[in-house]
Amino acid sequence: MDRGALTEEALRDGHLENPPKGSNGRGCRNVTITVGKGEAFGFLGPNGAGKSTFVKMLVGLIHPTAGEATLIGAPIGTLEAKRQIGYLPELYRYQEWLTDDEVVRLHGRLCGMDKQVINKRVPELLHMVGVGQQGKTIFLNSHLLEDVEVLCDRMALLNNGQVLRHGG
């Protein structure tokens, strides 16, 4: 599939901003990107570039001070948009020897869910998030060029809160 020819958009944002408070250099200024459905997109930049601020705006953890964006056609921060995404924080780790199924079951047990409920919900959840299926959009936020090169179709380079370059 020619990823550049995708017509459906998973993410469209226009001039999102959340400028830094104080002098730490973090924040976003006039960030504009579009990510197609089914695309693996890398958001690359050094620590402090504004990547996490941008992602927090997308998932509704903080609000932009200017601009607007949509996720799968819904405005960011809305319940409709949040229902369309999964978010894996940077420092989350689980044992590499666990399967996808085992990780979800473990979290069900940690949340105190009944074993029968877990047995019913795990296959539904794995199917819903598309584990093992193609066609899901991936937005990888990283400061590691090697990860983005290996995993992504396109990328944007962010520094000091602004997109410097984007493309394939």
C-alpha atoms as a PDB file:
ATOM      1  CA  MET A   1       0.000   0.000   0.000  1.00  0.00           C
ATOM      2  CA  ASP A   2       1.270   3.463  -0.842  1.00  0.00           C
ATOM      3  CA  ARG A   3       1.083   5.137   2.561  1.00  0.00           C
ATOM      4  CA  GLY A   4       1.401   8.566   0.950  1.00  0.00           C
ATOM      5  CA  ALA A   5      -1.860   8.007  -0.916  1.00  0.00           C
ATOM      6  CA  LEU A   6      -4.009   7.416   2.186  1.00  0.00           C
ATOM      7  CA  THR A   7      -7.167   9.484   2.038  1.00  0.00           C
ATOM      8  CA  GLU A   8      -8.695   8.656   5.418  1.00  0.00           C
ATOM      9  CA  GLU A   9      -7.091  10.447   8.312  1.00  0.00           C
ATOM     10  CA  ALA A  10      -6.456   9.066  11.763  1.00  0.00           C
ATOM     11  CA  LEU A  11      -5.075  12.393  12.970  1.00  0.00           C
ATOM     12  CA  ARG A  12      -5.408  15.882  11.586  1.00  0.00           C
ATOM     13  CA  ASP A  13      -4.287  18.793  13.614  1.00  0.00           C
ATOM     14  CA  GLY A  14      -4.022  22.427  12.815  1.00  0.00           C
ATOM     15  CA  HIS A  15      -1.588  24.696  14.567  1.00  0.00           C
ATOM     16  CA  LEU A  16      -1.786  23.138  18.044  1.00  0.00           C
ATOM     17  CA  GLU A  17      -0.068  25.144  20.721  1.00  0.00           C
ATOM     18  CA  ASN A  18       0.678  24.807  24.375  1.00  0.00           C
ATOM     19  CA  PRO A  19       3.625  27.133  24.981  1.00  0.00           C
ATOM     20  CA  PRO A  20       6.104  26.536  27.791  1.00  0.00           C
ATOM     21  CA  LYS A  21       5.477  27.908  31.221  1.00  0.00           C
ATOM     22  CA  GLY A  22       8.710  29.261  32.618  1.00  0.00           C
ATOM     23  CA  SER A  23      11.995  28.760  30.831  1.00  0.00           C
ATOM     24  CA  ASN A  24      12.272  24.966  30.499  1.00  0.00           C
ATOM     25  CA  GLY A  25      11.804  25.114  26.698  1.00  0.00           C
ATOM     26  CA  ARG A  26       9.037  22.516  26.657  1.00  0.00           C
ATOM     27  CA  GLY A  27       5.758  22.989  24.907  1.00  0.00           C
ATOM     28  CA  CYS A  28       4.417  23.173  21.372  1.00  0.00           C
ATOM     29  CA  ARG A  29       4.174  26.077  18.978  1.00  0.00           C
ATOM     30  CA  ASN A  30       2.101  25.870  15.803  1.00  0.00           C
ATOM     31  CA  VAL A  31       2.471  22.069  15.406  1.00  0.00           C
ATOM     32  CA  THR A  32       0.607  20.809  12.345  1.00  0.00           C
ATOM     33  CA  ILE A  33       0.708  17.181  11.136  1.00  0.00           C
ATOM     34  CA  THR A  34      -1.607  14.692   9.471  1.00  0.00           C
ATOM     35  CA  VAL A  35      -1.445  10.919   9.968  1.00  0.00           C
ATOM     36  CA  GLY A  36      -3.314   8.529   7.679  1.00  0.00           C
ATOM     37  CA  LYS A  37      -5.343   5.583   8.938  1.00  0.00           C
ATOM     38  CA  GLY A  38      -3.239   2.435   8.933  1.00  0.00           C
ATOM     39  CA  GLU A  39       0.009   4.388   8.938  1.00  0.00           C
ATOM     40  CA  ALA A  40       2.934   3.924  11.336  1.00  0.00           C
ATOM     41  CA  PHE A  41       3.978   7.494  12.100  1.00  0.00           C
ATOM     42  CA  GLY A  42       7.060   8.500  14.058  1.00  0.00           C
ATOM     43  CA  PHE A  43       7.197  11.671  16.132  1.00  0.00           C
ATOM     44  CA  LEU A  44      10.895  12.206  16.676  1.00  0.00           C
ATOM     45  CA  GLY A  45      12.853  14.746  18.679  1.00  0.00           C
ATOM     46  CA  PRO A  46      15.286  15.196  21.529  1.00  0.00           C
ATOM     47  CA  ASN A  47      14.234  15.194  25.164  1.00  0.00           C
ATOM     48  CA  GLY A  48      12.451  18.458  25.940  1.00  0.00           C
ATOM     49  CA  ALA A  49      11.402  19.043  22.310  1.00  0.00           C
ATOM     50  CA  GLY A  50       7.672  19.094  23.119  1.00  0.00           C
ATOM     51  CA  LYS A  51       6.751  15.569  21.979  1.00  0.00           C
ATOM     52  CA  SER A  52       5.109  14.526  25.229  1.00  0.00           C
ATOM     53  CA  THR A  53       3.240  17.834  25.487  1.00  0.00           C
ATOM     54  CA  PHE A  54       1.835  17.231  21.992  1.00  0.00           C
ATOM     55  CA  VAL A  55       0.792  13.651  22.777  1.00  0.00           C
ATOM     56  CA  LYS A  56      -0.816  14.758  26.059  1.00  0.00           C
ATOM     57  CA  MET A  57      -2.899  17.244  24.063  1.00  0.00           C
ATOM     58  CA  LEU A  58      -3.929  14.517  21.609  1.00  0.00           C
ATOM     59  CA  VAL A  59      -5.085  12.121  24.323  1.00  0.00           C
ATOM     60  CA  GLY A  60      -6.846  14.866  26.308  1.00  0.00           C
ATOM     61  CA  LEU A  61      -4.553  15.020  29.349  1.00  0.00           C
ATOM     62  CA  ILE A  62      -3.849  18.730  28.756  1.00  0.00           C
ATOM     63  CA  HIS A  63      -5.632  21.297  26.621  1.00  0.00           C
ATOM     64  CA  PRO A  64      -4.106  23.252  23.757  1.00  0.00           C
ATOM     65  CA  THR A  65      -4.014  27.009  24.180  1.00  0.00           C
ATOM     66  CA  ALA A  66      -4.556  27.436  20.427  1.00  0.00           C
ATOM     67  CA  GLY A  67      -5.428  25.328  17.398  1.00  0.00           C
ATOM     68  CA  GLU A  68      -7.589  22.262  17.010  1.00  0.00           C
ATOM     69  CA  ALA A  69      -7.219  18.605  16.074  1.00  0.00           C
ATOM     70  CA  THR A  70      -9.262  15.508  15.341  1.00  0.00           C
ATOM     71  CA  LEU A  71      -8.616  11.829  16.030  1.00  0.00           C
ATOM     72  CA  ILE A  72     -10.561   9.508  13.708  1.00  0.00           C
ATOM     73  CA  GLY A  73     -12.855  12.439  12.945  1.00  0.00           C
ATOM     74  CA  ALA A  74     -13.619  13.418  16.555  1.00  0.00           C
ATOM     75  CA  PRO A  75     -12.249  16.535  18.280  1.00  0.00           C
ATOM     76  CA  ILE A  76      -9.331  15.764  20.611  1.00  0.00           C
ATOM     77  CA  GLY A  77     -10.202  15.517  24.283  1.00  0.00           C
ATOM     78  CA  THR A  78     -13.761  14.340  23.648  1.00  0.00           C
ATOM     79  CA  LEU A  79     -15.033  11.005  24.889  1.00  0.00           C
ATOM     80  CA  GLU A  80     -15.616   9.991  21.261  1.00  0.00           C
ATOM     81  CA  ALA A  81     -11.937  10.590  20.431  1.00  0.00           C
ATOM     82  CA  LYS A  82     -10.705   8.869  23.591  1.00  0.00           C
ATOM     83  CA  ARG A  83     -12.715   5.756  22.733  1.00  0.00           C
ATOM     84  CA  GLN A  84     -10.795   5.486  19.449  1.00  0.00           C
ATOM     85  CA  ILE A  85      -7.283   5.383  20.892  1.00  0.00           C
ATOM     86  CA  GLY A  86      -5.005   3.332  23.097  1.00  0.00           C
ATOM     87  CA  TYR A  87      -2.197   5.010  24.992  1.00  0.00           C
ATOM     88  CA  LEU A  88       0.931   3.259  26.207  1.00  0.00           C
ATOM     89  CA  PRO A  89       3.050   5.526  28.413  1.00  0.00           C
ATOM     90  CA  GLU A  90       6.785   5.757  27.872  1.00  0.00           C
ATOM     91  CA  LEU A  91       7.881   3.978  31.035  1.00  0.00           C
ATOM     92  CA  TYR A  92       5.378   1.116  31.040  1.00  0.00           C
ATOM     93  CA  ARG A  93       7.148  -2.242  31.056  1.00  0.00           C
ATOM     94  CA  TYR A  94       5.960  -5.837  31.339  1.00  0.00           C
ATOM     95  CA  GLN A  95       7.818  -9.121  31.238  1.00  0.00           C
ATOM     96  CA  GLU A  96       8.880  -9.851  27.654  1.00  0.00           C
ATOM     97  CA  TRP A  97       8.097 -13.539  28.024  1.00  0.00           C
ATOM     98  CA  LEU A  98       4.369 -12.832  28.538  1.00  0.00           C
ATOM     99  CA  THR A  99       2.028 -13.092  25.552  1.00  0.00           C
ATOM    100  CA  ASP A 100      -0.505 -10.353  24.732  1.00  0.00           C
ATOM    101  CA  ASP A 101      -3.211 -12.542  26.231  1.00  0.00           C
ATOM    102  CA  GLU A 102      -1.237 -13.045  29.459  1.00  0.00           C
ATOM    103  CA  VAL A 103      -0.547  -9.313  29.867  1.00  0.00           C
ATOM    104  CA  VAL A 104      -4.250  -8.447  29.588  1.00  0.00           C
ATOM    105  CA  ARG A 105      -5.193 -11.267  31.995  1.00  0.00           C
ATOM    106  CA  LEU A 106      -2.569 -10.047  34.492  1.00  0.00           C
ATOM    107  CA  HIS A 107      -4.018  -6.542  34.437  1.00  0.00           C
ATOM    108  CA  GLY A 108      -7.515  -7.917  34.869  1.00  0.00           C
ATOM    109  CA  ARG A 109      -6.378  -9.782  37.988  1.00  0.00           C
ATOM    110  CA  LEU A 110      -4.540  -6.704  39.293  1.00  0.00           C
ATOM    111  CA  CYS A 111      -7.806  -4.765  38.948  1.00  0.00           C
ATOM    112  CA  GLY A 112      -9.648  -7.436  40.944  1.00  0.00           C
ATOM    113  CA  MET A 113     -11.769  -8.682  38.056  1.00  0.00           C
ATOM    114  CA  ASP A 114     -13.569 -12.013  38.368  1.00  0.00           C
ATOM    115  CA  LYS A 115     -11.874 -14.865  36.462  1.00  0.00           C
ATOM    116  CA  GLN A 116     -15.034 -15.563  34.420  1.00  0.00           C
ATOM    117  CA  VAL A 117     -15.238 -11.915  33.380  1.00  0.00           C
ATOM    118  CA  ILE A 118     -11.547 -11.936  32.440  1.00  0.00           C
ATOM    119  CA  ASN A 119     -12.016 -15.094  30.338  1.00  0.00           C
ATOM    120  CA  LYS A 120     -14.882 -13.438  28.468  1.00  0.00           C
ATOM    121  CA  ARG A 121     -13.324  -9.969  28.041  1.00  0.00           C
ATOM    122  CA  VAL A 122      -9.720 -10.806  27.076  1.00  0.00           C
ATOM    123  CA  PRO A 123     -10.501 -12.131  23.566  1.00  0.00           C
ATOM    124  CA  GLU A 124     -12.909  -9.226  22.988  1.00  0.00           C
ATOM    125  CA  LEU A 125     -10.302  -6.656  24.042  1.00  0.00           C
ATOM    126  CA  LEU A 126      -7.498  -8.200  22.004  1.00  0.00           C
ATOM    127  CA  HIS A 127      -9.744  -8.239  18.945  1.00  0.00           C
ATOM    128  CA  MET A 128     -10.883  -4.660  19.600  1.00  0.00           C
ATOM    129  CA  VAL A 129      -7.330  -3.265  19.743  1.00  0.00           C
ATOM    130  CA  GLY A 130      -6.292  -5.233  16.680  1.00  0.00           C
ATOM    131  CA  VAL A 131      -3.501  -7.325  18.179  1.00  0.00           C
ATOM    132  CA  GLY A 132      -2.095  -9.311  15.312  1.00  0.00           C
ATOM    133  CA  GLN A 133      -4.205  -7.430  12.782  1.00  0.00           C
ATOM    134  CA  GLN A 134      -3.085  -4.971  10.156  1.00  0.00           C
ATOM    135  CA  GLY A 135      -4.735  -1.646   9.528  1.00  0.00           C
ATOM    136  CA  LYS A 136      -4.232  -0.013  12.916  1.00  0.00           C
ATOM    137  CA  THR A 137      -2.611   3.398  13.057  1.00  0.00           C
ATOM    138  CA  ILE A 138       0.514   3.715  15.176  1.00  0.00           C
ATOM    139  CA  PHE A 139       1.818   7.033  16.484  1.00  0.00           C
ATOM    140  CA  LEU A 140       5.295   6.442  17.922  1.00  0.00           C
ATOM    141  CA  ASN A 141       6.660   9.241  20.097  1.00  0.00           C
ATOM    142  CA  SER A 142      10.419   8.739  20.489  1.00  0.00           C
ATOM    143  CA  HIS A 143      13.806  10.388  20.742  1.00  0.00           C
ATOM    144  CA  LEU A 144      15.449   7.273  19.252  1.00  0.00           C
ATOM    145  CA  LEU A 145      15.991   7.600  15.503  1.00  0.00           C
ATOM    146  CA  GLU A 146      16.658   3.849  15.214  1.00  0.00           C
ATOM    147  CA  ASP A 147      13.159   2.981  16.499  1.00  0.00           C
ATOM    148  CA  VAL A 148      11.459   5.399  14.115  1.00  0.00           C
ATOM    149  CA  GLU A 149      13.516   4.214  11.128  1.00  0.00           C
ATOM    150  CA  VAL A 150      12.639   0.555  11.738  1.00  0.00           C
ATOM    151  CA  LEU A 151       8.984   0.913  12.678  1.00  0.00           C
ATOM    152  CA  CYS A 152       7.551   3.914  10.856  1.00  0.00           C
ATOM    153  CA  ASP A 153       6.378   4.785   7.339  1.00  0.00           C
ATOM    154  CA  ARG A 154       6.681   8.536   7.854  1.00  0.00           C
ATOM    155  CA  MET A 155       7.887  10.853  10.568  1.00  0.00           C
ATOM    156  CA  ALA A 156       8.003  14.422  11.827  1.00  0.00           C
ATOM    157  CA  LEU A 157      11.018  15.913  13.567  1.00  0.00           C
ATOM    158  CA  LEU A 158      10.180  18.228  16.468  1.00  0.00           C
ATOM    159  CA  ASN A 159      12.589  20.525  18.290  1.00  0.00           C
ATOM    160  CA  ASN A 160      11.948  23.453  20.617  1.00  0.00           C
ATOM    161  CA  GLY A 161       8.216  22.878  20.255  1.00  0.00           C
ATOM    162  CA  GLN A 162       8.152  23.214  16.438  1.00  0.00           C
ATOM    163  CA  VAL A 163       8.113  20.744  13.542  1.00  0.00           C
ATOM    164  CA  LEU A 164      11.404  21.142  11.672  1.00  0.00           C
ATOM    165  CA  ARG A 165      10.814  18.503   8.973  1.00  0.00           C
ATOM    166  CA  HIS A 166       8.295  15.835   8.057  1.00  0.00           C
ATOM    167  CA  GLY A 167       7.977  13.178   5.420  1.00  0.00           C
ATOM    168  CA  GLY A 168       8.825   9.600   4.475  1.00  0.00           C
END
